[in-house]
Structures are given as structure tokens and as C-alpha cells.
PDB file of N, CA and C in Angstrom:
ATOM      1  N   MET A   1       1.174  -1.337   0.252  1.00  0.00           N
ATOM      2  CA  MET A   1      -0.195   0.174   0.284  1.00  0.00           C
ATOM      3  C   MET A   1       0.333   1.292  -0.045  1.00  0.00           C
ATOM      4  N   LYS A   2       1.936   0.948   1.097  1.00  0.00           N
ATOM      5  CA  LYS A   2       2.919   2.196   0.837  1.00  0.00           C
ATOM      6  C   LYS A   2       3.537   2.611  -0.504  1.00  0.00           C
ATOM      7  N   SER A   3       3.582   1.461  -0.915  1.00  0.00           N
ATOM      8  CA  SER A   3       4.850   1.643  -2.390  1.00  0.00           C
ATOM      9  C   SER A   3       3.340   2.218  -3.452  1.00  0.00           C
ATOM     10  N   THR A   4       2.600   2.091  -3.392  1.00  0.00           N
ATOM     11  CA  THR A   4       1.568   2.445  -4.332  1.00  0.00           C
ATOM     12  C   THR A   4       1.021   3.934  -4.349  1.00  0.00           C
ATOM     13  N   PHE A   5       1.600   4.375  -2.909  1.00  0.00           N
ATOM     14  CA  PHE A   5       1.241   5.706  -3.101  1.00  0.00           C
ATOM     15  C   PHE A   5       2.215   6.593  -3.155  1.00  0.00           C
ATOM     16  N   TRP A   6       3.193   6.365  -2.988  1.00  0.00           N
ATOM     17  CA  TRP A   6       4.531   6.606  -4.039  1.00  0.00           C
ATOM     18  C   TRP A   6       4.815   6.496  -5.015  1.00  0.00           C
ATOM     19  N   ILE A   7       4.289   5.654  -5.829  1.00  0.00           N
ATOM     20  CA  ILE A   7       4.122   5.331  -7.100  1.00  0.00           C
ATOM     21  C   ILE A   7       3.406   6.526  -7.871  1.00  0.00           C
ATOM     22  N   VAL A   8       2.338   6.711  -7.314  1.00  0.00           N
ATOM     23  CA  VAL A   8       1.376   7.702  -7.609  1.00  0.00           C
ATOM     24  C   VAL A   8       2.060   9.015  -7.385  1.00  0.00           C
ATOM     25  N   VAL A   9       2.128   9.558  -6.387  1.00  0.00           N
ATOM     26  CA  VAL A   9       3.175  10.603  -5.834  1.00  0.00           C
ATOM     27  C   VAL A   9       4.082  10.885  -6.973  1.00  0.00           C
ATOM     28  N   VAL A  10       4.767   9.775  -7.469  1.00  0.00           N
ATOM     29  CA  VAL A  10       5.827  10.400  -8.706  1.00  0.00           C
ATOM     30  C   VAL A  10       5.489  10.521  -9.361  1.00  0.00           C
ATOM     31  N   ILE A  11       4.351   9.603 -10.185  1.00  0.00           N
ATOM     32  CA  ILE A  11       3.941   9.965 -11.328  1.00  0.00           C
ATOM     33  C   ILE A  11       2.885  11.344 -11.577  1.00  0.00           C
ATOM     34  N   VAL A  12       2.381  11.931 -10.632  1.00  0.00           N
ATOM     35  CA  VAL A  12       1.459  13.267 -10.568  1.00  0.00           C
ATOM     36  C   VAL A  12       2.762  14.337 -10.628  1.00  0.00           C
ATOM     37  N   MET A  13       4.100  14.077  -9.795  1.00  0.00           N
ATOM     38  CA  MET A  13       4.898  15.010  -9.725  1.00  0.00           C
ATOM     39  C   MET A  13       5.792  15.101 -11.237  1.00  0.00           C
ATOM     40  N   GLY A  14       5.873  14.041 -11.789  1.00  0.00           N
ATOM     41  CA  GLY A  14       5.957  14.168 -13.190  1.00  0.00           C
ATOM     42  C   GLY A  14       5.594  14.462 -14.146  1.00  0.00           C
ATOM     43  N   PHE A  15       4.484  13.859 -14.335  1.00  0.00           N
ATOM     44  CA  PHE A  15       3.144  14.912 -15.048  1.00  0.00           C
ATOM     45  C   PHE A  15       2.873  16.603 -14.710  1.00  0.00           C
ATOM     46  N   THR A  16       3.063  16.747 -13.523  1.00  0.00           N
ATOM     47  CA  THR A  16       3.027  18.178 -13.052  1.00  0.00           C
ATOM     48  C   THR A  16       4.370  19.056 -13.472  1.00  0.00           C
ATOM     49  N   GLY A  17       5.198  18.456 -13.713  1.00  0.00           N
ATOM     50  CA  GLY A  17       6.752  19.182 -13.781  1.00  0.00           C
ATOM     51  C   GLY A  17       6.578  19.075 -15.363  1.00  0.00           C
ATOM     52  N   PHE A  18       6.176  18.116 -16.266  1.00  0.00           N
ATOM     53  CA  PHE A  18       6.224  18.234 -16.994  1.00  0.00           C
ATOM     54  C   PHE A  18       5.655  19.511 -17.625  1.00  0.00           C
ATOM     55  N   LEU A  19       4.247  19.648 -17.325  1.00  0.00           N
ATOM     56  CA  LEU A  19       3.577  20.705 -17.835  1.00  0.00           C
ATOM     57  C   LEU A  19       4.166  22.012 -17.474  1.00  0.00           C
ATOM     58  N   ILE A  20       4.779  21.974 -16.245  1.00  0.00           N
ATOM     59  CA  ILE A  20       5.261  23.767 -15.539  1.00  0.00           C
ATOM     60  C   ILE A  20       6.443  23.890 -16.779  1.00  0.00           C
ATOM     61  N   GLY A  21       6.985  23.052 -16.682  1.00  0.00           N
ATOM     62  CA  GLY A  21       8.135  23.210 -18.162  1.00  0.00           C
ATOM     63  C   GLY A  21       7.634  23.649 -19.398  1.00  0.00           C
ATOM     64  N   TYR A  22       6.861  22.929 -19.719  1.00  0.00           N
ATOM     65  CA  TYR A  22       6.373  22.733 -20.911  1.00  0.00           C
ATOM     66  C   TYR A  22       5.410  24.275 -21.057  1.00  0.00           C
ATOM     67  N   SER A  23       4.594  25.198 -20.303  1.00  0.00           N
ATOM     68  CA  SER A  23       4.465  26.171 -20.362  1.00  0.00           C
ATOM     69  C   SER A  23       4.950  27.354 -19.556  1.00  0.00           C
ATOM     70  N   LEU A  24       6.120  27.479 -18.969  1.00  0.00           N
ATOM     71  CA  LEU A  24       7.075  28.527 -18.201  1.00  0.00           C
ATOM     72  C   LEU A  24       7.253  29.292 -19.198  1.00  0.00           C
ATOM     73  N   PRO A  25       8.518  28.716 -19.973  1.00  0.00           N
ATOM     74  CA  PRO A  25       9.037  29.583 -21.124  1.00  0.00           C
ATOM     75  C   PRO A  25       8.424  30.567 -22.114  1.00  0.00           C
ATOM     76  N   PRO A  26       7.186  30.460 -22.246  1.00  0.00           N
ATOM     77  CA  PRO A  26       6.279  30.999 -22.998  1.00  0.00           C
ATOM     78  C   PRO A  26       6.259  32.633 -22.299  1.00  0.00           C
ATOM     79  N   PHE A  27       5.961  32.215 -21.119  1.00  0.00           N
ATOM     80  CA  PHE A  27       5.501  33.400 -20.029  1.00  0.00           C
ATOM     81  C   PHE A  27       6.797  34.072 -20.041  1.00  0.00           C
ATOM     82  N   VAL A  28       7.762  33.475 -19.465  1.00  0.00           N
ATOM     83  CA  VAL A  28       9.457  34.318 -19.471  1.00  0.00           C
ATOM     84  C   VAL A  28       9.698  35.121 -20.986  1.00  0.00           C
ATOM     85  N   GLU A  29       9.378  34.501 -22.147  1.00  0.00           N
ATOM     86  CA  GLU A  29      10.061  35.266 -23.039  1.00  0.00           C
ATOM     87  C   GLU A  29       8.913  36.293 -23.446  1.00  0.00           C
ATOM     88  N   ALA A  30       7.771  36.098 -22.604  1.00  0.00           N
ATOM     89  CA  ALA A  30       6.712  37.287 -22.786  1.00  0.00           C
ATOM     90  C   ALA A  30       6.982  38.680 -21.616  1.00  0.00           C
ATOM     91  N   GLY A  31       8.201  38.055 -21.171  1.00  0.00           N
ATOM     92  CA  GLY A  31       8.071  39.466 -19.926  1.00  0.00           C
ATOM     93  C   GLY A  31       7.096  39.168 -18.813  1.00  0.00           C
ATOM     94  N   ILE A  32       6.491  38.409 -18.862  1.00  0.00           N
ATOM     95  CA  ILE A  32       5.413  38.578 -17.400  1.00  0.00           C
ATOM     96  C   ILE A  32       6.009  38.291 -16.418  1.00  0.00           C
ATOM     97  N   ILE A  33       6.629  36.516 -16.279  1.00  0.00           N
ATOM     98  CA  ILE A  33       7.208  36.062 -15.260  1.00  0.00           C
ATOM     99  C   ILE A  33       8.886  36.802 -15.231  1.00  0.00           C
ATOM    100  N   GLY A  34       9.401  36.966 -14.362  1.00  0.00           N
ATOM    101  CA  GLY A  34      10.723  37.638 -14.475  1.00  0.00           C
ATOM    102  C   GLY A  34      10.974  38.892 -14.559  1.00  0.00           C
ATOM    103  N   GLY A  35      12.132  39.420 -14.236  1.00  0.00           N
ATOM    104  CA  GLY A  35      12.110  41.158 -14.240  1.00  0.00           C
ATOM    105  C   GLY A  35      12.686  41.515 -15.542  1.00  0.00           C
ATOM    106  N   GLY A  36      13.542  42.854 -15.762  1.00  0.00           N
ATOM    107  CA  GLY A  36      14.241  42.462 -16.663  1.00  0.00           C
ATOM    108  C   GLY A  36      13.447  43.815 -17.167  1.00  0.00           C
ATOM    109  N   PRO A  37      14.115  44.852 -17.983  1.00  0.00           N
ATOM    110  CA  PRO A  37      14.212  45.934 -18.489  1.00  0.00           C
ATOM    111  C   PRO A  37      13.042  45.709 -19.321  1.00  0.00           C
ATOM    112  N   ASN A  38      12.495  44.652 -20.091  1.00  0.00           N
ATOM    113  CA  ASN A  38      11.273  44.416 -21.142  1.00  0.00           C
ATOM    114  C   ASN A  38       9.898  43.836 -19.929  1.00  0.00           C
ATOM    115  N   LYS A  39       9.798  44.203 -18.872  1.00  0.00           N
ATOM    116  CA  LYS A  39       8.883  43.739 -17.888  1.00  0.00           C
ATOM    117  C   LYS A  39       7.430  44.316 -18.405  1.00  0.00           C
ATOM    118  N   VAL A  40       6.940  43.438 -18.691  1.00  0.00           N
ATOM    119  CA  VAL A  40       5.360  43.850 -19.102  1.00  0.00           C
ATOM    120  C   VAL A  40       4.412  43.648 -18.608  1.00  0.00           C
ATOM    121  N   LYS A  41       3.012  43.831 -18.458  1.00  0.00           N
ATOM    122  CA  LYS A  41       1.858  44.071 -17.699  1.00  0.00           C
ATOM    123  C   LYS A  41       0.984  42.987 -18.667  1.00  0.00           C
ATOM    124  N   ALA A  42       0.630  41.903 -17.765  1.00  0.00           N
ATOM    125  CA  ALA A  42      -0.688  41.130 -18.533  1.00  0.00           C
ATOM    126  C   ALA A  42      -1.477  41.779 -19.168  1.00  0.00           C
ATOM    127  N   GLY A  43      -2.311  41.401 -19.770  1.00  0.00           N
ATOM    128  CA  GLY A  43      -3.442  42.200 -20.256  1.00  0.00           C
ATOM    129  C   GLY A  43      -3.382  42.272 -21.535  1.00  0.00           C
ATOM    130  N   ALA A  44      -4.552  43.326 -22.006  1.00  0.00           N
ATOM    131  CA  ALA A  44      -4.783  43.554 -23.390  1.00  0.00           C
ATOM    132  C   ALA A  44      -4.318  45.573 -23.190  1.00  0.00           C
ATOM    133  N   GLN A  45      -4.317  46.015 -24.212  1.00  0.00           N
ATOM    134  CA  GLN A  45      -3.979  47.175 -23.815  1.00  0.00           C
ATOM    135  C   GLN A  45      -5.232  47.488 -25.055  1.00  0.00           C
ATOM    136  N   LEU A  46      -6.298  48.459 -24.576  1.00  0.00           N
ATOM    137  CA  LEU A  46      -7.459  48.435 -25.420  1.00  0.00           C
ATOM    138  C   LEU A  46      -7.166  50.392 -25.675  1.00  0.00           C
ATOM    139  N   ASP A  47      -7.558  50.815 -26.855  1.00  0.00           N
ATOM    140  CA  ASP A  47      -7.738  52.214 -27.085  1.00  0.00           C
ATOM    141  C   ASP A  47      -9.058  52.729 -26.664  1.00  0.00           C
ATOM    142  N   THR A  48      -9.121  54.136 -26.172  1.00  0.00           N
ATOM    143  CA  THR A  48     -10.052  54.890 -25.599  1.00  0.00           C
ATOM    144  C   THR A  48     -11.588  54.133 -26.198  1.00  0.00           C
ATOM    145  N   LYS A  49     -11.625  54.299 -27.744  1.00  0.00           N
ATOM    146  CA  LYS A  49     -13.049  53.973 -28.151  1.00  0.00           C
ATOM    147  C   LYS A  49     -13.765  52.585 -27.941  1.00  0.00           C
ATOM    148  N   THR A  50     -12.619  51.394 -27.915  1.00  0.00           N
ATOM    149  CA  THR A  50     -12.871  50.440 -27.635  1.00  0.00           C
ATOM    150  C   THR A  50     -13.256  50.159 -25.910  1.00  0.00           C
ATOM    151  N   GLN A  51     -12.639  50.950 -25.377  1.00  0.00           N
ATOM    152  CA  GLN A  51     -12.649  50.940 -23.949  1.00  0.00           C
ATOM    153  C   GLN A  51     -14.458  51.578 -23.797  1.00  0.00           C
ATOM    154  N   GLU A  52     -14.399  52.569 -24.372  1.00  0.00           N
ATOM    155  CA  GLU A  52     -15.936  53.052 -24.577  1.00  0.00           C
ATOM    156  C   GLU A  52     -17.121  52.253 -24.765  1.00  0.00           C
ATOM    157  N   TYR A  53     -16.546  51.600 -25.794  1.00  0.00           N
ATOM    158  CA  TYR A  53     -17.742  50.608 -26.298  1.00  0.00           C
ATOM    159  C   TYR A  53     -18.261  49.826 -25.131  1.00  0.00           C
ATOM    160  N   TYR A  54     -16.985  48.796 -24.330  1.00  0.00           N
ATOM    161  CA  TYR A  54     -17.329  48.099 -23.555  1.00  0.00           C
ATOM    162  C   TYR A  54     -17.955  48.639 -22.457  1.00  0.00           C
ATOM    163  N   LYS A  55     -17.755  49.553 -21.700  1.00  0.00           N
ATOM    164  CA  LYS A  55     -18.518  50.842 -20.993  1.00  0.00           C
ATOM    165  C   LYS A  55     -19.857  50.444 -21.401  1.00  0.00           C
ATOM    166  N   ASP A  56     -19.994  51.329 -22.793  1.00  0.00           N
ATOM    167  CA  ASP A  56     -21.690  51.451 -22.925  1.00  0.00           C
ATOM    168  C   ASP A  56     -22.677  49.898 -22.836  1.00  0.00           C
ATOM    169  N   LEU A  57     -21.444  49.143 -23.060  1.00  0.00           N
ATOM    170  CA  LEU A  57     -22.046  47.560 -23.238  1.00  0.00           C
ATOM    171  C   LEU A  57     -23.123  47.115 -21.501  1.00  0.00           C
ATOM    172  N   LEU A  58     -22.374  48.070 -20.238  1.00  0.00           N
ATOM    173  CA  LEU A  58     -23.078  47.831 -19.383  1.00  0.00           C
ATOM    174  C   LEU A  58     -24.576  48.765 -19.037  1.00  0.00           C
ATOM    175  N   LYS A  59     -24.773  49.356 -19.257  1.00  0.00           N
ATOM    176  CA  LYS A  59     -25.596  50.274 -19.424  1.00  0.00           C
ATOM    177  C   LYS A  59     -26.991  49.887 -20.215  1.00  0.00           C
ATOM    178  N   GLU A  60     -27.619  50.264 -19.050  1.00  0.00           N
ATOM    179  CA  GLU A  60     -29.391  49.776 -19.212  1.00  0.00           C
ATOM    180  C   GLU A  60     -30.041  50.677 -20.311  1.00  0.00           C
ATOM    181  N   GLU A  61     -30.836  50.145 -21.346  1.00  0.00           N
ATOM    182  CA  GLU A  61     -31.095  50.708 -22.289  1.00  0.00           C
ATOM    183  C   GLU A  61     -32.895  51.750 -21.800  1.00  0.00           C
TER     184      GLU A  61
END
């Protein structure tokens, strides 16, 4: 029973490590994770016309 538990733990850790290793480099390349001079904020930059459009969607008619 104890060996089964550790086998499951190793499989889950291996799978999680693979997923983190697969998805982390794009965040570092984009500058979302890590510091440096090219640090950018996550999220889209919207112009004022688009912001007004989305604000108007919340208004009741």
C-alpha cells in the first residue's frame, strides 16, 4: 500500500513538472514572469474607443 502511494506521487509530480516546464518558457519570453528591462504587464491594451464601447455595454437601455 505504501509503495502504491509513492508510485502515484512520482507519476503526478512527473506529469506536473512536464506541464510546468512546457508552459513556463512562453511566460518568461513574453516578460510576464521574471524582471528585466522589458517587463510588461499582463493583459490587453485597449484604445479609448474600445474602452467606451465596453463601458456602453453595461448601460441599461
